[in-house]
PDB file of N, CA and C in Angstrom:
ATOM      1  N   MET A   1      14.239  12.946  -2.479  1.00  0.00           N
ATOM      2  CA  MET A   1      14.660  11.525  -3.025  1.00  0.00           C
ATOM      3  C   MET A   1      13.706  10.674  -2.978  1.00  0.00           C
ATOM      4  N   LYS A   2      13.447   9.849  -4.289  1.00  0.00           N
ATOM      5  CA  LYS A   2      12.580   8.995  -4.542  1.00  0.00           C
ATOM      6  C   LYS A   2      12.860   7.439  -3.789  1.00  0.00           C
ATOM      7  N   ASN A   3      12.480   7.346  -2.566  1.00  0.00           N
ATOM      8  CA  ASN A   3      12.661   5.886  -1.863  1.00  0.00           C
ATOM      9  C   ASN A   3      11.544   5.566  -1.145  1.00  0.00           C
ATOM     10  N   PHE A   4      10.242   6.082  -1.560  1.00  0.00           N
ATOM     11  CA  PHE A   4       8.855   5.243  -1.010  1.00  0.00           C
ATOM     12  C   PHE A   4       8.256   4.495  -2.022  1.00  0.00           C
ATOM     13  N   TYR A   5       7.561   3.602  -1.484  1.00  0.00           N
ATOM     14  CA  TYR A   5       6.846   2.585  -2.499  1.00  0.00           C
ATOM     15  C   TYR A   5       5.556   2.483  -1.925  1.00  0.00           C
ATOM     16  N   VAL A   6       4.675   2.020  -2.695  1.00  0.00           N
ATOM     17  CA  VAL A   6       3.248   2.127  -2.266  1.00  0.00           C
ATOM     18  C   VAL A   6       2.799   0.479  -2.405  1.00  0.00           C
ATOM     19  N   ILE A   7       2.394  -0.206  -1.362  1.00  0.00           N
ATOM     20  CA  ILE A   7       2.044  -1.677  -1.471  1.00  0.00           C
ATOM     21  C   ILE A   7       0.860  -1.897  -1.060  1.00  0.00           C
ATOM     22  N   GLU A   8      -0.156  -2.604  -1.971  1.00  0.00           N
ATOM     23  CA  GLU A   8      -1.305  -2.881  -1.794  1.00  0.00           C
ATOM     24  C   GLU A   8      -1.794  -4.137  -1.839  1.00  0.00           C
ATOM     25  N   GLY A   9      -2.843  -4.565  -1.470  1.00  0.00           N
ATOM     26  CA  GLY A   9      -3.212  -5.971  -1.403  1.00  0.00           C
ATOM     27  C   GLY A   9      -4.341  -6.272  -0.442  1.00  0.00           C
ATOM     28  N   VAL A  10      -4.805  -7.532  -0.513  1.00  0.00           N
ATOM     29  CA  VAL A  10      -5.822  -8.029   0.572  1.00  0.00           C
ATOM     30  C   VAL A  10      -4.898  -8.693   1.643  1.00  0.00           C
ATOM     31  N   HIS A  11      -5.509  -8.445   2.840  1.00  0.00           N
ATOM     32  CA  HIS A  11      -4.909  -8.918   4.228  1.00  0.00           C
ATOM     33  C   HIS A  11      -5.636  -9.670   5.003  1.00  0.00           C
ATOM     34  N   LYS A  12      -5.170 -10.553   5.664  1.00  0.00           N
ATOM     35  CA  LYS A  12      -5.924 -11.374   6.648  1.00  0.00           C
ATOM     36  C   LYS A  12      -6.291 -10.484   8.032  1.00  0.00           C
ATOM     37  N   ASP A  13      -5.389  -9.695   8.312  1.00  0.00           N
ATOM     38  CA  ASP A  13      -5.882  -8.556   9.472  1.00  0.00           C
ATOM     39  C   ASP A  13      -5.470  -7.239   8.621  1.00  0.00           C
ATOM     40  N   PRO A  14      -6.523  -6.629   8.386  1.00  0.00           N
ATOM     41  CA  PRO A  14      -6.246  -5.223   7.526  1.00  0.00           C
ATOM     42  C   PRO A  14      -5.510  -4.163   8.399  1.00  0.00           C
ATOM     43  N   ASN A  15      -5.274  -4.407   9.538  1.00  0.00           N
ATOM     44  CA  ASN A  15      -4.621  -3.372  10.493  1.00  0.00           C
ATOM     45  C   ASN A  15      -3.145  -3.680  10.468  1.00  0.00           C
ATOM     46  N   GLN A  16      -2.681  -4.785   9.847  1.00  0.00           N
ATOM     47  CA  GLN A  16      -1.224  -5.205  10.080  1.00  0.00           C
ATOM     48  C   GLN A  16      -0.601  -5.519   8.446  1.00  0.00           C
ATOM     49  N   LYS A  17       0.221  -4.659   8.090  1.00  0.00           N
ATOM     50  CA  LYS A  17       0.603  -4.681   6.848  1.00  0.00           C
ATOM     51  C   LYS A  17       1.591  -6.231   6.586  1.00  0.00           C
ATOM     52  N   GLU A  18       1.865  -6.715   7.600  1.00  0.00           N
ATOM     53  CA  GLU A  18       2.856  -8.079   7.519  1.00  0.00           C
ATOM     54  C   GLU A  18       1.617  -9.227   7.235  1.00  0.00           C
ATOM     55  N   THR A  19       0.581  -9.178   7.218  1.00  0.00           N
ATOM     56  CA  THR A  19      -0.389 -10.161   6.909  1.00  0.00           C
ATOM     57  C   THR A  19      -1.146 -10.046   5.493  1.00  0.00           C
ATOM     58  N   ILE A  20      -0.660  -9.411   4.578  1.00  0.00           N
ATOM     59  CA  ILE A  20      -0.872  -9.365   3.287  1.00  0.00           C
ATOM     60  C   ILE A  20      -0.711 -10.637   2.496  1.00  0.00           C
ATOM     61  N   LEU A  21      -1.803 -11.133   1.834  1.00  0.00           N
ATOM     62  CA  LEU A  21      -1.546 -12.124   0.824  1.00  0.00           C
ATOM     63  C   LEU A  21      -0.617 -11.911   0.036  1.00  0.00           C
ATOM     64  N   LYS A  22       0.223 -12.888  -0.153  1.00  0.00           N
ATOM     65  CA  LYS A  22       1.298 -12.596  -1.292  1.00  0.00           C
ATOM     66  C   LYS A  22       0.863 -12.794  -2.680  1.00  0.00           C
ATOM     67  N   GLU A  23      -0.291 -13.414  -2.832  1.00  0.00           N
ATOM     68  CA  GLU A  23      -0.671 -13.588  -4.255  1.00  0.00           C
ATOM     69  C   GLU A  23      -1.506 -12.299  -4.620  1.00  0.00           C
ATOM     70  N   THR A  24      -1.872 -11.246  -3.725  1.00  0.00           N
ATOM     71  CA  THR A  24      -2.300 -10.197  -4.113  1.00  0.00           C
ATOM     72  C   THR A  24      -1.629  -9.064  -4.064  1.00  0.00           C
ATOM     73  N   GLU A  25      -0.438  -9.016  -3.570  1.00  0.00           N
ATOM     74  CA  GLU A  25       0.402  -7.920  -3.529  1.00  0.00           C
ATOM     75  C   GLU A  25       0.879  -7.304  -4.475  1.00  0.00           C
ATOM     76  N   LYS A  26       0.660  -6.111  -4.538  1.00  0.00           N
ATOM     77  CA  LYS A  26       1.125  -5.215  -5.785  1.00  0.00           C
ATOM     78  C   LYS A  26       2.026  -4.092  -5.113  1.00  0.00           C
ATOM     79  N   LYS A  27       3.137  -3.742  -5.815  1.00  0.00           N
ATOM     80  CA  LYS A  27       3.990  -2.875  -5.359  1.00  0.00           C
ATOM     81  C   LYS A  27       4.361  -1.876  -6.597  1.00  0.00           C
ATOM     82  N   TYR A  28       4.250  -0.453  -6.032  1.00  0.00           N
ATOM     83  CA  TYR A  28       4.506   0.499  -7.075  1.00  0.00           C
ATOM     84  C   TYR A  28       5.659   1.547  -6.576  1.00  0.00           C
ATOM     85  N   GLY A  29       6.322   2.283  -7.457  1.00  0.00           N
ATOM     86  CA  GLY A  29       7.322   3.182  -6.924  1.00  0.00           C
ATOM     87  C   GLY A  29       8.461   3.065  -7.698  1.00  0.00           C
ATOM     88  N   PRO A  30       9.564   3.555  -7.541  1.00  0.00           N
ATOM     89  CA  PRO A  30       9.700   4.529  -6.314  1.00  0.00           C
ATOM     90  C   PRO A  30       9.034   5.786  -6.308  1.00  0.00           C
ATOM     91  N   PHE A  31       8.622   6.496  -5.326  1.00  0.00           N
ATOM     92  CA  PHE A  31       8.138   8.001  -5.327  1.00  0.00           C
ATOM     93  C   PHE A  31       8.694   8.945  -4.431  1.00  0.00           C
ATOM     94  N   GLU A  32       8.153  10.188  -4.730  1.00  0.00           N
ATOM     95  CA  GLU A  32       8.698  10.989  -3.315  1.00  0.00           C
ATOM     96  C   GLU A  32       7.460  10.702  -2.469  1.00  0.00           C
ATOM     97  N   GLU A  33       7.781  11.020  -1.179  1.00  0.00           N
ATOM     98  CA  GLU A  33       6.997  10.604  -0.173  1.00  0.00           C
ATOM     99  C   GLU A  33       5.560  11.298  -0.294  1.00  0.00           C
ATOM    100  N   LEU A  34       5.177  12.552  -0.800  1.00  0.00           N
ATOM    101  CA  LEU A  34       3.917  13.103  -0.811  1.00  0.00           C
ATOM    102  C   LEU A  34       3.243  12.352  -2.096  1.00  0.00           C
ATOM    103  N   GLU A  35       3.854  12.100  -3.072  1.00  0.00           N
ATOM    104  CA  GLU A  35       3.257  11.342  -4.275  1.00  0.00           C
ATOM    105  C   GLU A  35       2.949   9.947  -3.890  1.00  0.00           C
ATOM    106  N   ALA A  36       3.734   9.359  -3.070  1.00  0.00           N
ATOM    107  CA  ALA A  36       3.377   7.968  -2.502  1.00  0.00           C
ATOM    108  C   ALA A  36       2.085   8.092  -1.807  1.00  0.00           C
ATOM    109  N   ASN A  37       2.000   8.956  -0.792  1.00  0.00           N
ATOM    110  CA  ASN A  37       0.661   9.136   0.146  1.00  0.00           C
ATOM    111  C   ASN A  37      -0.417   9.591  -0.798  1.00  0.00           C
ATOM    112  N   GLN A  38      -0.400  10.147  -1.901  1.00  0.00           N
ATOM    113  CA  GLN A  38      -1.445  10.314  -2.710  1.00  0.00           C
ATOM    114  C   GLN A  38      -1.868   9.232  -3.396  1.00  0.00           C
ATOM    115  N   ILE A  39      -1.115   8.431  -4.089  1.00  0.00           N
ATOM    116  CA  ILE A  39      -1.172   6.978  -4.650  1.00  0.00           C
ATOM    117  C   ILE A  39      -2.017   6.289  -3.709  1.00  0.00           C
ATOM    118  N   ALA A  40      -1.232   5.895  -2.606  1.00  0.00           N
ATOM    119  CA  ALA A  40      -2.079   5.127  -1.534  1.00  0.00           C
ATOM    120  C   ALA A  40      -3.521   5.663  -1.113  1.00  0.00           C
ATOM    121  N   LYS A  41      -3.701   6.898  -0.950  1.00  0.00           N
ATOM    122  CA  LYS A  41      -4.947   7.329  -0.591  1.00  0.00           C
ATOM    123  C   LYS A  41      -5.962   7.002  -1.679  1.00  0.00           C
ATOM    124  N   GLY A  42      -5.424   7.114  -2.929  1.00  0.00           N
ATOM    125  CA  GLY A  42      -6.332   6.972  -4.098  1.00  0.00           C
ATOM    126  C   GLY A  42      -6.784   5.301  -4.174  1.00  0.00           C
ATOM    127  N   LEU A  43      -5.907   4.634  -3.616  1.00  0.00           N
ATOM    128  CA  LEU A  43      -5.978   3.161  -3.930  1.00  0.00           C
ATOM    129  C   LEU A  43      -6.939   2.774  -2.863  1.00  0.00           C
ATOM    130  N   ILE A  44      -6.820   3.264  -1.645  1.00  0.00           N
ATOM    131  CA  ILE A  44      -7.662   3.138  -0.538  1.00  0.00           C
ATOM    132  C   ILE A  44      -9.063   3.365  -0.827  1.00  0.00           C
ATOM    133  N   GLN A  45      -9.284   4.706  -1.444  1.00  0.00           N
ATOM    134  CA  GLN A  45     -10.594   5.195  -1.744  1.00  0.00           C
ATOM    135  C   GLN A  45     -11.416   4.288  -2.827  1.00  0.00           C
ATOM    136  N   LYS A  46     -10.388   3.806  -3.764  1.00  0.00           N
ATOM    137  CA  LYS A  46     -11.033   3.046  -4.801  1.00  0.00           C
ATOM    138  C   LYS A  46     -11.363   1.668  -4.528  1.00  0.00           C
ATOM    139  N   ASN A  47     -11.093   1.223  -3.422  1.00  0.00           N
ATOM    140  CA  ASN A  47     -11.283  -0.086  -2.637  1.00  0.00           C
ATOM    141  C   ASN A  47     -11.922  -0.063  -1.409  1.00  0.00           C
ATOM    142  N   ILE A  48     -12.715   1.247  -1.260  1.00  0.00           N
ATOM    143  CA  ILE A  48     -13.258   1.559   0.091  1.00  0.00           C
ATOM    144  C   ILE A  48     -14.305   0.238   0.601  1.00  0.00           C
ATOM    145  N   ASP A  49     -14.898  -0.360  -0.356  1.00  0.00           N
ATOM    146  CA  ASP A  49     -15.959  -1.357   0.022  1.00  0.00           C
ATOM    147  C   ASP A  49     -15.352  -2.639   0.427  1.00  0.00           C
ATOM    148  N   ASP A  50     -13.947  -2.889   0.023  1.00  0.00           N
ATOM    149  CA  ASP A  50     -13.531  -4.142   0.650  1.00  0.00           C
ATOM    150  C   ASP A  50     -12.587  -3.985   1.962  1.00  0.00           C
ATOM    151  N   PHE A  51     -13.059  -4.444   2.803  1.00  0.00           N
ATOM    152  CA  PHE A  51     -12.527  -4.169   4.276  1.00  0.00           C
ATOM    153  C   PHE A  51     -11.176  -4.690   4.471  1.00  0.00           C
ATOM    154  N   TYR A  52     -10.811  -5.936   3.738  1.00  0.00           N
ATOM    155  CA  TYR A  52      -9.823  -6.643   3.791  1.00  0.00           C
ATOM    156  C   TYR A  52      -8.511  -6.007   2.914  1.00  0.00           C
ATOM    157  N   HIS A  53      -8.758  -4.925   2.151  1.00  0.00           N
ATOM    158  CA  HIS A  53      -8.017  -4.431   1.027  1.00  0.00           C
ATOM    159  C   HIS A  53      -7.363  -3.141   1.756  1.00  0.00           C
ATOM    160  N   ARG A  54      -6.109  -2.977   1.745  1.00  0.00           N
ATOM    161  CA  ARG A  54      -5.268  -1.770   2.240  1.00  0.00           C
ATOM    162  C   ARG A  54      -4.107  -1.561   1.302  1.00  0.00           C
ATOM    163  N   ALA A  55      -3.663  -0.308   1.399  1.00  0.00           N
ATOM    164  CA  ALA A  55      -2.582   0.277   0.842  1.00  0.00           C
ATOM    165  C   ALA A  55      -1.661   0.865   1.722  1.00  0.00           C
ATOM    166  N   TRP A  56      -0.490   0.583   1.732  1.00  0.00           N
ATOM    167  CA  TRP A  56       0.726   1.178   2.634  1.00  0.00           C
ATOM    168  C   TRP A  56       1.819   1.799   1.949  1.00  0.00           C
ATOM    169  N   VAL A  57       2.251   2.836   2.462  1.00  0.00           N
ATOM    170  CA  VAL A  57       3.598   3.685   2.191  1.00  0.00           C
ATOM    171  C   VAL A  57       4.708   3.072   2.969  1.00  0.00           C
ATOM    172  N   VAL A  58       5.663   2.691   2.285  1.00  0.00           N
ATOM    173  CA  VAL A  58       6.710   2.170   2.887  1.00  0.00           C
ATOM    174  C   VAL A  58       8.110   2.914   2.432  1.00  0.00           C
ATOM    175  N   ASN A  59       8.817   3.073   3.452  1.00  0.00           N
ATOM    176  CA  ASN A  59      10.343   3.712   2.941  1.00  0.00           C
ATOM    177  C   ASN A  59      11.106   2.405   2.315  1.00  0.00           C
ATOM    178  N   GLN A  60      11.872   2.691   1.433  1.00  0.00           N
ATOM    179  CA  GLN A  60      12.830   1.617   0.813  1.00  0.00           C
ATOM    180  C   GLN A  60      13.713   0.889   1.704  1.00  0.00           C
ATOM    181  N   SER A  61      13.881   1.539   2.799  1.00  0.00           N
ATOM    182  CA  SER A  61      14.769   0.675   3.841  1.00  0.00           C
ATOM    183  C   SER A  61      14.015  -0.298   4.611  1.00  0.00           C
ATOM    184  N   GLU A  62      12.558  -0.274   4.572  1.00  0.00           N
ATOM    185  CA  GLU A  62      11.695  -1.243   5.359  1.00  0.00           C
ATOM    186  C   GLU A  62      11.732  -2.460   4.755  1.00  0.00           C
TER     187      GLU A  62
END
């Protein structure tokens, strides 16, 4: 079932997804869980030099 989303953006605290700066937030999906994880991994690798950029996989119910 396709109910997973990928959210990326710049964070104030990169270890907490709740601190994402709303003006930088992008949401992709819905995807199957495996596909969402692959997309998030690609986004993280693409932005590896930006410490404050993160991508998260979230379930639609979150």
